[in-house]
């Protein structure tokens, strides 16, 4: 899930964008660029590596959903939530969680 507070600080004409230099070394640079559209709940991002061997580009497009939407879809499918954690290590899910792991069952 995108961090809504991060996106709000970078609003560009209704679309939230960012550029993040992840790894900078003498061998090259890894850059991640992305765009969040809050209306369509889409994320379009690219991982770009610039180095002596050239340029590589790995695009990724996805649509995210909030936990409440996932709960509704599960309920409509006849499932009920059994557990929810804030990550794979079983940490608590709360208002500051940036991810979640949810288990549904019949």
C-alpha atoms as a PDB file:
ATOM      1  CA  UNK A   1       0.000   0.000   0.000  1.00  0.00           C
ATOM      2  CA  UNK A   2       1.318   3.442  -0.718  1.00  0.00           C
ATOM      3  CA  UNK A   3       1.937   5.725   2.220  1.00  0.00           C
ATOM      4  CA  UNK A   4      -0.792   8.398   1.844  1.00  0.00           C
ATOM      5  CA  UNK A   5       1.171  10.978   3.822  1.00  0.00           C
ATOM      6  CA  UNK A   6       4.155  10.589   1.471  1.00  0.00           C
ATOM      7  CA  UNK A   7       1.893  10.979  -1.532  1.00  0.00           C
ATOM      8  CA  UNK A   8       0.157  14.078  -0.161  1.00  0.00           C
ATOM      9  CA  UNK A   9       3.478  15.874   0.167  1.00  0.00           C
ATOM     10  CA  UNK A  10       4.302  15.287  -3.503  1.00  0.00           C
ATOM     11  CA  UNK A  11       1.046  16.064  -5.335  1.00  0.00           C
ATOM     12  CA  UNK A  12       1.622  17.144  -8.947  1.00  0.00           C
ATOM     13  CA  UNK A  13      -1.611  18.112 -10.734  1.00  0.00           C
ATOM     14  CA  UNK A  14      -3.685  15.446  -9.006  1.00  0.00           C
ATOM     15  CA  UNK A  15      -1.064  12.714  -9.408  1.00  0.00           C
ATOM     16  CA  UNK A  16       1.463  11.930  -6.686  1.00  0.00           C
ATOM     17  CA  UNK A  17       4.993  11.350  -7.988  1.00  0.00           C
ATOM     18  CA  UNK A  18       8.350  10.525  -6.480  1.00  0.00           C
ATOM     19  CA  UNK A  19      11.970   9.885  -7.390  1.00  0.00           C
ATOM     20  CA  UNK A  20      14.177   7.920  -5.003  1.00  0.00           C
ATOM     21  CA  UNK A  21      17.895   7.256  -5.430  1.00  0.00           C
ATOM     22  CA  UNK A  22      18.257   3.893  -3.740  1.00  0.00           C
ATOM     23  CA  UNK A  23      21.872   2.896  -4.345  1.00  0.00           C
ATOM     24  CA  UNK A  24      24.644   5.219  -5.376  1.00  0.00           C
ATOM     25  CA  UNK A  25      28.141   3.828  -5.842  1.00  0.00           C
ATOM     26  CA  UNK A  26      31.171   4.170  -8.075  1.00  0.00           C
ATOM     27  CA  UNK A  27      29.699   1.344 -10.223  1.00  0.00           C
ATOM     28  CA  UNK A  28      26.365   3.013 -10.887  1.00  0.00           C
ATOM     29  CA  UNK A  29      23.086   4.342  -9.595  1.00  0.00           C
ATOM     30  CA  UNK A  30      19.765   2.645  -8.869  1.00  0.00           C
ATOM     31  CA  UNK A  31      16.765   4.979  -9.126  1.00  0.00           C
ATOM     32  CA  UNK A  32      13.101   4.259  -8.453  1.00  0.00           C
ATOM     33  CA  UNK A  33      10.501   6.575  -9.946  1.00  0.00           C
ATOM     34  CA  UNK A  34       6.803   6.234  -9.376  1.00  0.00           C
ATOM     35  CA  UNK A  35       3.403   7.752  -9.722  1.00  0.00           C
ATOM     36  CA  UNK A  36       0.325   7.153  -7.529  1.00  0.00           C
ATOM     37  CA  UNK A  37      -3.126   8.014  -8.793  1.00  0.00           C
ATOM     38  CA  UNK A  38      -5.414   8.152  -5.760  1.00  0.00           C
ATOM     39  CA  UNK A  39      -8.588   8.169  -7.864  1.00  0.00           C
ATOM     40  CA  UNK A  40      -7.868   4.952  -9.782  1.00  0.00           C
ATOM     41  CA  UNK A  41      -5.686   3.474  -6.990  1.00  0.00           C
ATOM     42  CA  UNK A  42      -2.955   2.732  -9.533  1.00  0.00           C
ATOM     43  CA  UNK A  43       0.765   2.700  -9.010  1.00  0.00           C
ATOM     44  CA  UNK A  44       3.078   2.943 -12.005  1.00  0.00           C
ATOM     45  CA  UNK A  45       6.748   2.752 -11.121  1.00  0.00           C
ATOM     46  CA  UNK A  46      10.084   1.877 -12.650  1.00  0.00           C
ATOM     47  CA  UNK A  47      13.395   0.640 -11.318  1.00  0.00           C
ATOM     48  CA  UNK A  48      16.209   2.137 -13.379  1.00  0.00           C
ATOM     49  CA  UNK A  49      19.868   1.140 -13.122  1.00  0.00           C
ATOM     50  CA  UNK A  50      22.515   3.372 -14.680  1.00  0.00           C
ATOM     51  CA  UNK A  51      26.009   1.942 -14.833  1.00  0.00           C
ATOM     52  CA  UNK A  52      29.060   1.203 -16.917  1.00  0.00           C
ATOM     53  CA  UNK A  53      27.255  -1.794 -18.478  1.00  0.00           C
ATOM     54  CA  UNK A  54      24.397   0.435 -19.654  1.00  0.00           C
ATOM     55  CA  UNK A  55      20.872   1.207 -18.600  1.00  0.00           C
ATOM     56  CA  UNK A  56      18.255  -1.271 -17.418  1.00  0.00           C
ATOM     57  CA  UNK A  57      14.611  -0.427 -16.918  1.00  0.00           C
ATOM     58  CA  UNK A  58      12.093  -2.588 -15.024  1.00  0.00           C
ATOM     59  CA  UNK A  59       8.551  -1.160 -15.114  1.00  0.00           C
ATOM     60  CA  UNK A  60       5.795  -2.232 -12.732  1.00  0.00           C
ATOM     61  CA  UNK A  61       2.088  -1.355 -12.924  1.00  0.00           C
ATOM     62  CA  UNK A  62      -0.407  -2.375 -10.267  1.00  0.00           C
ATOM     63  CA  UNK A  63      -3.651  -1.446  -8.587  1.00  0.00           C
ATOM     64  CA  UNK A  64      -3.692  -1.414  -4.814  1.00  0.00           C
ATOM     65  CA  UNK A  65      -6.621  -1.923  -2.467  1.00  0.00           C
ATOM     66  CA  UNK A  66      -7.060  -0.946   1.146  1.00  0.00           C
ATOM     67  CA  UNK A  67      -7.614  -3.605   3.834  1.00  0.00           C
ATOM     68  CA  UNK A  68     -11.256  -2.535   4.222  1.00  0.00           C
ATOM     69  CA  UNK A  69     -11.871  -3.175   0.503  1.00  0.00           C
ATOM     70  CA  UNK A  70     -10.254  -6.590   0.763  1.00  0.00           C
ATOM     71  CA  UNK A  71     -12.446  -7.406   3.768  1.00  0.00           C
ATOM     72  CA  UNK A  72     -15.575  -6.431   1.814  1.00  0.00           C
ATOM     73  CA  UNK A  73     -14.600  -8.555  -1.201  1.00  0.00           C
ATOM     74  CA  UNK A  74     -13.906 -11.511   1.078  1.00  0.00           C
ATOM     75  CA  UNK A  75     -17.241 -11.088   2.856  1.00  0.00           C
ATOM     76  CA  UNK A  76     -19.084 -10.952  -0.491  1.00  0.00           C
ATOM     77  CA  UNK A  77     -17.314 -14.203  -1.435  1.00  0.00           C
ATOM     78  CA  UNK A  78     -18.571 -15.859   1.750  1.00  0.00           C
ATOM     79  CA  UNK A  79     -15.292 -15.630   3.655  1.00  0.00           C
ATOM     80  CA  UNK A  80     -14.584 -14.148   7.046  1.00  0.00           C
ATOM     81  CA  UNK A  81     -11.404 -12.706   8.404  1.00  0.00           C
ATOM     82  CA  UNK A  82      -9.542 -15.043  10.754  1.00  0.00           C
ATOM     83  CA  UNK A  83      -6.427 -12.953  11.448  1.00  0.00           C
ATOM     84  CA  UNK A  84      -4.568  -9.824  10.366  1.00  0.00           C
ATOM     85  CA  UNK A  85      -0.979  -8.851  11.110  1.00  0.00           C
ATOM     86  CA  UNK A  86       1.217  -5.921  10.191  1.00  0.00           C
ATOM     87  CA  UNK A  87       3.740  -8.168   8.393  1.00  0.00           C
ATOM     88  CA  UNK A  88       5.025 -11.712   7.896  1.00  0.00           C
ATOM     89  CA  UNK A  89       6.651 -11.753  11.354  1.00  0.00           C
ATOM     90  CA  UNK A  90       3.224 -11.464  13.015  1.00  0.00           C
ATOM     91  CA  UNK A  91       3.657  -7.896  14.212  1.00  0.00           C
ATOM     92  CA  UNK A  92       0.450  -6.074  15.246  1.00  0.00           C
ATOM     93  CA  UNK A  93      -1.606  -4.346  12.547  1.00  0.00           C
ATOM     94  CA  UNK A  94      -2.410  -0.766  13.549  1.00  0.00           C
ATOM     95  CA  UNK A  95      -2.963   2.687  12.033  1.00  0.00           C
ATOM     96  CA  UNK A  96       0.780   3.079  11.352  1.00  0.00           C
ATOM     97  CA  UNK A  97       1.173  -0.232   9.507  1.00  0.00           C
ATOM     98  CA  UNK A  98       2.386   0.107   5.911  1.00  0.00           C
ATOM     99  CA  UNK A  99       1.513  -3.502   5.028  1.00  0.00           C
ATOM    100  CA  UNK A 100      -0.670  -6.308   6.226  1.00  0.00           C
ATOM    101  CA  UNK A 101      -1.038 -10.067   6.066  1.00  0.00           C
ATOM    102  CA  UNK A 102      -4.624 -11.224   6.307  1.00  0.00           C
ATOM    103  CA  UNK A 103      -6.008 -14.766   6.594  1.00  0.00           C
ATOM    104  CA  UNK A 104      -9.595 -15.497   5.524  1.00  0.00           C
ATOM    105  CA  UNK A 105     -11.619 -18.697   5.843  1.00  0.00           C
ATOM    106  CA  UNK A 106     -15.134 -20.088   5.543  1.00  0.00           C
END
